[in-house]
Amino acid sequence: MSEYSNHREEVFSKSVRAGKRTYFFDVKSTKSNDYYLTITESKKRLGDDGNPFFEKHKIFLYREDFEKFMDGIKEAMDRIQSLQGDSPAPSTSHDSTSPYSNVDFDDLGK
């Protein structure tokens, strides 16, 4: 068995900095060229010894679930909007000069 056979090829990656959290959206391919999405929430924490570490939570989303997942998110977001009196959602415009546009993945393991 080669080293590559256990490797899942990363096809696309997008990071979104949101306050104290960073969300990573990674599209990966399987050996059979099927695609899936991992969504990772990462938050910097301090350990009992005072040293920082990253707490991570990961969701694996498979192609057969994409539509149901998106339907669920849309329904939840619509409900939030209706509960808030149809106030507009926060702006999603991106400032190209944002200091959060580049995330060093090597730092996440430290």
N, C-alpha and C. Protein backbone atom coordinates (compact mmCIF):
# COMPACT_ATOMS: atom_id res chain seq x y z
N MET A 1 0.86 -1.18 0.00
CA MET A 1 0.00 0.00 0.00
C MET A 1 0.90 1.23 0.00
N SER A 2 0.70 2.12 -0.94
CA SER A 2 1.54 3.31 -1.04
C SER A 2 1.09 4.37 -0.05
N GLU A 3 1.98 5.33 0.19
CA GLU A 3 1.67 6.44 1.09
C GLU A 3 0.48 7.23 0.55
N TYR A 4 0.36 7.37 -0.77
CA TYR A 4 -0.71 8.16 -1.37
C TYR A 4 -2.09 7.52 -1.16
N SER A 5 -2.13 6.20 -1.05
CA SER A 5 -3.43 5.53 -0.96
C SER A 5 -4.19 5.93 0.29
N ASN A 6 -3.51 6.34 1.34
CA ASN A 6 -4.19 6.79 2.56
C ASN A 6 -4.40 8.29 2.55
N HIS A 7 -3.89 8.97 1.57
CA HIS A 7 -3.97 10.43 1.48
C HIS A 7 -5.24 10.85 0.77
N ARG A 8 -5.90 11.85 1.31
CA ARG A 8 -7.06 12.43 0.67
C ARG A 8 -6.63 13.75 0.08
N GLU A 9 -6.72 13.86 -1.23
CA GLU A 9 -6.23 15.05 -1.92
C GLU A 9 -7.12 16.25 -1.64
N GLU A 10 -6.47 17.34 -1.22
CA GLU A 10 -7.19 18.58 -1.00
C GLU A 10 -7.33 19.31 -2.33
N VAL A 11 -8.57 19.59 -2.71
CA VAL A 11 -8.88 20.19 -4.00
C VAL A 11 -9.06 21.70 -3.88
N PHE A 12 -9.63 22.14 -2.76
CA PHE A 12 -9.95 23.54 -2.55
C PHE A 12 -9.95 23.81 -1.06
N SER A 13 -9.50 25.00 -0.69
CA SER A 13 -9.51 25.37 0.72
C SER A 13 -9.82 26.85 0.85
N LYS A 14 -10.69 27.16 1.79
CA LYS A 14 -11.08 28.54 2.05
C LYS A 14 -11.15 28.72 3.56
N SER A 15 -10.49 29.77 4.06
CA SER A 15 -10.58 30.07 5.49
C SER A 15 -11.36 31.36 5.67
N VAL A 16 -12.13 31.40 6.75
CA VAL A 16 -12.95 32.56 7.07
C VAL A 16 -12.67 32.91 8.52
N ARG A 17 -12.11 34.07 8.74
CA ARG A 17 -11.85 34.55 10.10
C ARG A 17 -13.10 35.25 10.59
N ALA A 18 -13.58 34.85 11.78
CA ALA A 18 -14.80 35.42 12.34
C ALA A 18 -14.57 35.66 13.83
N GLY A 19 -14.10 36.85 14.16
CA GLY A 19 -13.83 37.16 15.56
C GLY A 19 -12.70 36.29 16.08
N LYS A 20 -12.97 35.57 17.16
CA LYS A 20 -11.95 34.72 17.78
C LYS A 20 -11.89 33.33 17.16
N ARG A 21 -12.73 33.09 16.17
CA ARG A 21 -12.78 31.78 15.53
C ARG A 21 -12.33 31.89 14.07
N THR A 22 -11.84 30.78 13.57
CA THR A 22 -11.55 30.66 12.15
C THR A 22 -12.26 29.41 11.66
N TYR A 23 -12.94 29.54 10.54
CA TYR A 23 -13.62 28.42 9.92
C TYR A 23 -12.86 28.04 8.65
N PHE A 24 -12.65 26.75 8.47
CA PHE A 24 -11.96 26.25 7.29
C PHE A 24 -12.93 25.37 6.51
N PHE A 25 -13.05 25.65 5.23
CA PHE A 25 -13.88 24.87 4.32
C PHE A 25 -12.92 24.19 3.35
N ASP A 26 -12.80 22.88 3.44
CA ASP A 26 -11.85 22.13 2.62
C ASP A 26 -12.57 21.09 1.79
N VAL A 27 -12.42 21.18 0.48
CA VAL A 27 -12.96 20.18 -0.43
C VAL A 27 -11.85 19.18 -0.69
N LYS A 28 -12.16 17.91 -0.49
CA LYS A 28 -11.17 16.85 -0.67
C LYS A 28 -11.73 15.79 -1.59
N SER A 29 -10.83 15.03 -2.20
CA SER A 29 -11.27 13.95 -3.08
C SER A 29 -10.86 12.62 -2.48
N THR A 30 -11.66 11.62 -2.77
CA THR A 30 -11.36 10.26 -2.34
C THR A 30 -10.57 9.55 -3.43
N LYS A 31 -10.14 8.33 -3.14
CA LYS A 31 -9.43 7.54 -4.15
C LYS A 31 -10.28 7.31 -5.39
N SER A 32 -11.59 7.27 -5.21
CA SER A 32 -12.49 7.02 -6.35
C SER A 32 -12.97 8.32 -6.99
N ASN A 33 -12.28 9.43 -6.73
CA ASN A 33 -12.60 10.74 -7.29
C ASN A 33 -13.99 11.24 -6.93
N ASP A 34 -14.44 10.92 -5.75
CA ASP A 34 -15.66 11.51 -5.22
C ASP A 34 -15.20 12.65 -4.32
N TYR A 35 -16.06 13.62 -4.10
CA TYR A 35 -15.67 14.79 -3.32
C TYR A 35 -16.50 14.91 -2.05
N TYR A 36 -15.87 15.45 -1.03
CA TYR A 36 -16.57 15.72 0.21
C TYR A 36 -16.01 17.01 0.79
N LEU A 37 -16.73 17.56 1.75
CA LEU A 37 -16.37 18.83 2.36
C LEU A 37 -16.09 18.61 3.84
N THR A 38 -15.01 19.19 4.33
CA THR A 38 -14.81 19.24 5.77
C THR A 38 -14.94 20.69 6.20
N ILE A 39 -15.67 20.91 7.27
CA ILE A 39 -15.83 22.23 7.86
C ILE A 39 -15.20 22.15 9.24
N THR A 40 -14.20 22.98 9.48
CA THR A 40 -13.49 22.96 10.75
C THR A 40 -13.61 24.31 11.42
N GLU A 41 -14.01 24.29 12.68
CA GLU A 41 -14.01 25.50 13.50
C GLU A 41 -12.77 25.40 14.38
N SER A 42 -11.97 26.45 14.39
CA SER A 42 -10.76 26.48 15.19
C SER A 42 -10.78 27.72 16.08
N LYS A 43 -10.49 27.53 17.36
CA LYS A 43 -10.49 28.64 18.30
C LYS A 43 -9.27 28.51 19.21
N LYS A 44 -8.54 29.59 19.34
CA LYS A 44 -7.36 29.59 20.18
C LYS A 44 -7.78 29.62 21.65
N ARG A 45 -7.22 28.74 22.44
CA ARG A 45 -7.51 28.64 23.87
C ARG A 45 -6.21 28.63 24.65
N LEU A 46 -6.32 28.84 25.95
CA LEU A 46 -5.17 28.72 26.83
C LEU A 46 -5.34 27.46 27.67
N GLY A 47 -4.29 26.65 27.72
CA GLY A 47 -4.33 25.43 28.52
C GLY A 47 -4.15 25.74 29.99
N ASP A 48 -4.28 24.72 30.82
CA ASP A 48 -4.10 24.89 32.27
C ASP A 48 -2.71 25.41 32.61
N ASP A 49 -1.74 25.08 31.75
CA ASP A 49 -0.36 25.53 31.98
C ASP A 49 -0.09 26.92 31.41
N GLY A 50 -1.13 27.54 30.84
CA GLY A 50 -0.98 28.88 30.28
C GLY A 50 -0.51 28.91 28.83
N ASN A 51 -0.20 27.75 28.27
CA ASN A 51 0.25 27.69 26.88
C ASN A 51 -0.96 27.66 25.95
N PRO A 52 -0.89 28.40 24.85
CA PRO A 52 -2.01 28.41 23.90
C PRO A 52 -2.08 27.12 23.09
N PHE A 53 -3.30 26.74 22.73
CA PHE A 53 -3.53 25.62 21.83
C PHE A 53 -4.79 25.93 21.03
N PHE A 54 -5.00 25.18 19.97
CA PHE A 54 -6.18 25.39 19.14
C PHE A 54 -7.18 24.27 19.38
N GLU A 55 -8.37 24.65 19.80
CA GLU A 55 -9.47 23.71 19.95
C GLU A 55 -10.18 23.63 18.60
N LYS A 56 -10.34 22.41 18.09
CA LYS A 56 -10.92 22.24 16.76
C LYS A 56 -12.12 21.31 16.80
N HIS A 57 -13.11 21.65 16.00
CA HIS A 57 -14.29 20.82 15.81
C HIS A 57 -14.47 20.66 14.32
N LYS A 58 -14.68 19.42 13.88
CA LYS A 58 -14.73 19.16 12.44
C LYS A 58 -16.00 18.42 12.07
N ILE A 59 -16.56 18.82 10.93
CA ILE A 59 -17.73 18.16 10.35
C ILE A 59 -17.32 17.64 8.97
N PHE A 60 -17.67 16.41 8.69
CA PHE A 60 -17.46 15.84 7.37
C PHE A 60 -18.81 15.82 6.68
N LEU A 61 -18.88 16.43 5.51
CA LEU A 61 -20.13 16.51 4.77
C LEU A 61 -19.94 15.83 3.43
N TYR A 62 -20.72 14.78 3.20
CA TYR A 62 -20.58 13.98 1.99
C TYR A 62 -21.59 14.41 0.94
N ARG A 63 -21.23 14.19 -0.30
CA ARG A 63 -21.99 14.69 -1.45
C ARG A 63 -23.47 14.35 -1.38
N GLU A 64 -23.79 13.15 -0.93
CA GLU A 64 -25.20 12.76 -0.90
C GLU A 64 -26.00 13.56 0.13
N ASP A 65 -25.31 14.30 1.01
CA ASP A 65 -25.98 15.10 2.04
C ASP A 65 -25.95 16.60 1.75
N PHE A 66 -25.27 17.04 0.69
CA PHE A 66 -25.11 18.47 0.42
C PHE A 66 -26.45 19.20 0.39
N GLU A 67 -27.40 18.70 -0.39
CA GLU A 67 -28.67 19.41 -0.57
C GLU A 67 -29.44 19.51 0.74
N LYS A 68 -29.53 18.41 1.49
CA LYS A 68 -30.24 18.45 2.77
C LYS A 68 -29.55 19.38 3.76
N PHE A 69 -28.23 19.39 3.76
CA PHE A 69 -27.47 20.28 4.64
C PHE A 69 -27.77 21.74 4.31
N MET A 70 -27.72 22.07 3.02
CA MET A 70 -27.99 23.45 2.59
C MET A 70 -29.43 23.85 2.90
N ASP A 71 -30.37 22.93 2.72
CA ASP A 71 -31.77 23.21 3.06
C ASP A 71 -31.90 23.51 4.55
N GLY A 72 -31.21 22.73 5.38
CA GLY A 72 -31.25 22.95 6.82
C GLY A 72 -30.66 24.28 7.22
N ILE A 73 -29.54 24.64 6.63
CA ILE A 73 -28.91 25.94 6.93
C ILE A 73 -29.82 27.08 6.49
N LYS A 74 -30.38 26.97 5.29
CA LYS A 74 -31.26 28.03 4.80
C LYS A 74 -32.47 28.20 5.71
N GLU A 75 -33.07 27.08 6.13
CA GLU A 75 -34.23 27.15 7.01
C GLU A 75 -33.86 27.80 8.35
N ALA A 76 -32.72 27.42 8.90
CA ALA A 76 -32.28 28.01 10.17
C ALA A 76 -31.99 29.50 10.02
N MET A 77 -31.34 29.90 8.95
CA MET A 77 -31.03 31.31 8.73
C MET A 77 -32.30 32.11 8.50
N ASP A 78 -33.25 31.54 7.75
CA ASP A 78 -34.53 32.21 7.53
C ASP A 78 -35.25 32.41 8.87
N ARG A 79 -35.19 31.41 9.74
CA ARG A 79 -35.85 31.51 11.04
C ARG A 79 -35.19 32.61 11.89
N ILE A 80 -33.89 32.67 11.87
CA ILE A 80 -33.19 33.73 12.61
C ILE A 80 -33.62 35.09 12.10
N GLN A 81 -33.67 35.23 10.79
CA GLN A 81 -34.07 36.51 10.20
C GLN A 81 -35.50 36.86 10.59
N SER A 82 -36.41 35.89 10.59
CA SER A 82 -37.79 36.20 10.96
C SER A 82 -37.91 36.52 12.45
N LEU A 83 -37.14 35.87 13.29
CA LEU A 83 -37.16 36.15 14.72
C LEU A 83 -36.60 37.53 15.03
N GLN A 84 -35.71 38.01 14.18
CA GLN A 84 -35.12 39.34 14.38
C GLN A 84 -35.90 40.42 13.65
N GLY A 85 -37.11 40.11 13.25
CA GLY A 85 -37.96 41.11 12.61
C GLY A 85 -37.53 41.47 11.21
N ASP A 86 -37.05 40.47 10.46
CA ASP A 86 -36.64 40.68 9.07
C ASP A 86 -35.54 41.72 8.93
N SER A 87 -34.72 41.87 9.96
CA SER A 87 -33.59 42.79 9.82
C SER A 87 -32.59 42.17 8.85
N PRO A 88 -31.90 43.00 8.10
CA PRO A 88 -30.96 42.44 7.11
C PRO A 88 -29.83 41.69 7.79
N ALA A 89 -29.34 40.68 7.08
CA ALA A 89 -28.21 39.91 7.59
C ALA A 89 -26.97 40.80 7.62
N PRO A 90 -26.00 40.47 8.49
CA PRO A 90 -24.76 41.24 8.52
C PRO A 90 -24.09 41.24 7.15
N SER A 91 -23.37 42.31 6.88
CA SER A 91 -22.69 42.45 5.59
C SER A 91 -21.70 41.33 5.38
N THR A 92 -21.64 40.83 4.14
CA THR A 92 -20.67 39.80 3.81
C THR A 92 -19.61 40.33 2.87
N SER A 93 -19.52 41.66 2.76
CA SER A 93 -18.49 42.22 1.88
C SER A 93 -17.12 41.97 2.49
N HIS A 94 -16.16 41.78 1.63
CA HIS A 94 -14.81 41.45 2.06
C HIS A 94 -13.86 42.58 1.70
N ASP A 95 -13.06 42.96 2.65
CA ASP A 95 -12.05 43.99 2.45
C ASP A 95 -10.76 43.28 2.05
N SER A 96 -10.28 43.57 0.86
CA SER A 96 -9.09 42.88 0.36
C SER A 96 -7.84 43.23 1.17
N THR A 97 -7.91 44.25 2.02
CA THR A 97 -6.75 44.61 2.83
C THR A 97 -6.85 44.01 4.24
N SER A 98 -7.81 43.12 4.46
CA SER A 98 -8.01 42.53 5.77
C SER A 98 -6.77 41.76 6.22
N PRO A 99 -6.37 41.91 7.49
CA PRO A 99 -5.21 41.17 7.98
C PRO A 99 -5.51 39.67 8.13
N TYR A 100 -6.75 39.25 7.94
CA TYR A 100 -7.12 37.86 8.13
C TYR A 100 -7.22 37.09 6.83
N SER A 101 -6.79 37.67 5.74
CA SER A 101 -6.94 36.99 4.46
C SER A 101 -5.99 35.81 4.31
N ASN A 102 -4.88 35.82 5.01
CA ASN A 102 -3.92 34.72 4.91
C ASN A 102 -3.80 34.05 6.27
N VAL A 103 -4.07 32.75 6.30
CA VAL A 103 -3.94 31.99 7.52
C VAL A 103 -2.83 30.98 7.30
N ASP A 104 -1.89 30.91 8.24
CA ASP A 104 -0.79 29.97 8.14
C ASP A 104 -1.21 28.65 8.78
N PHE A 105 -1.49 27.65 7.97
CA PHE A 105 -1.97 26.38 8.47
C PHE A 105 -0.96 25.73 9.39
N ASP A 106 0.35 26.01 9.23
CA ASP A 106 1.36 25.43 10.09
C ASP A 106 1.21 25.89 11.52
N ASP A 107 0.66 27.09 11.73
CA ASP A 107 0.48 27.61 13.08
C ASP A 107 -0.62 26.88 13.84
N LEU A 108 -1.53 26.23 13.13
CA LEU A 108 -2.67 25.60 13.79
C LEU A 108 -2.27 24.43 14.67
N GLY A 109 -1.21 23.76 14.35
CA GLY A 109 -0.80 22.61 15.14
C GLY A 109 0.01 22.97 16.36
N LYS A 110 0.34 24.24 16.51
CA LYS A 110 1.19 24.67 17.63
C LYS A 110 0.38 24.96 18.85
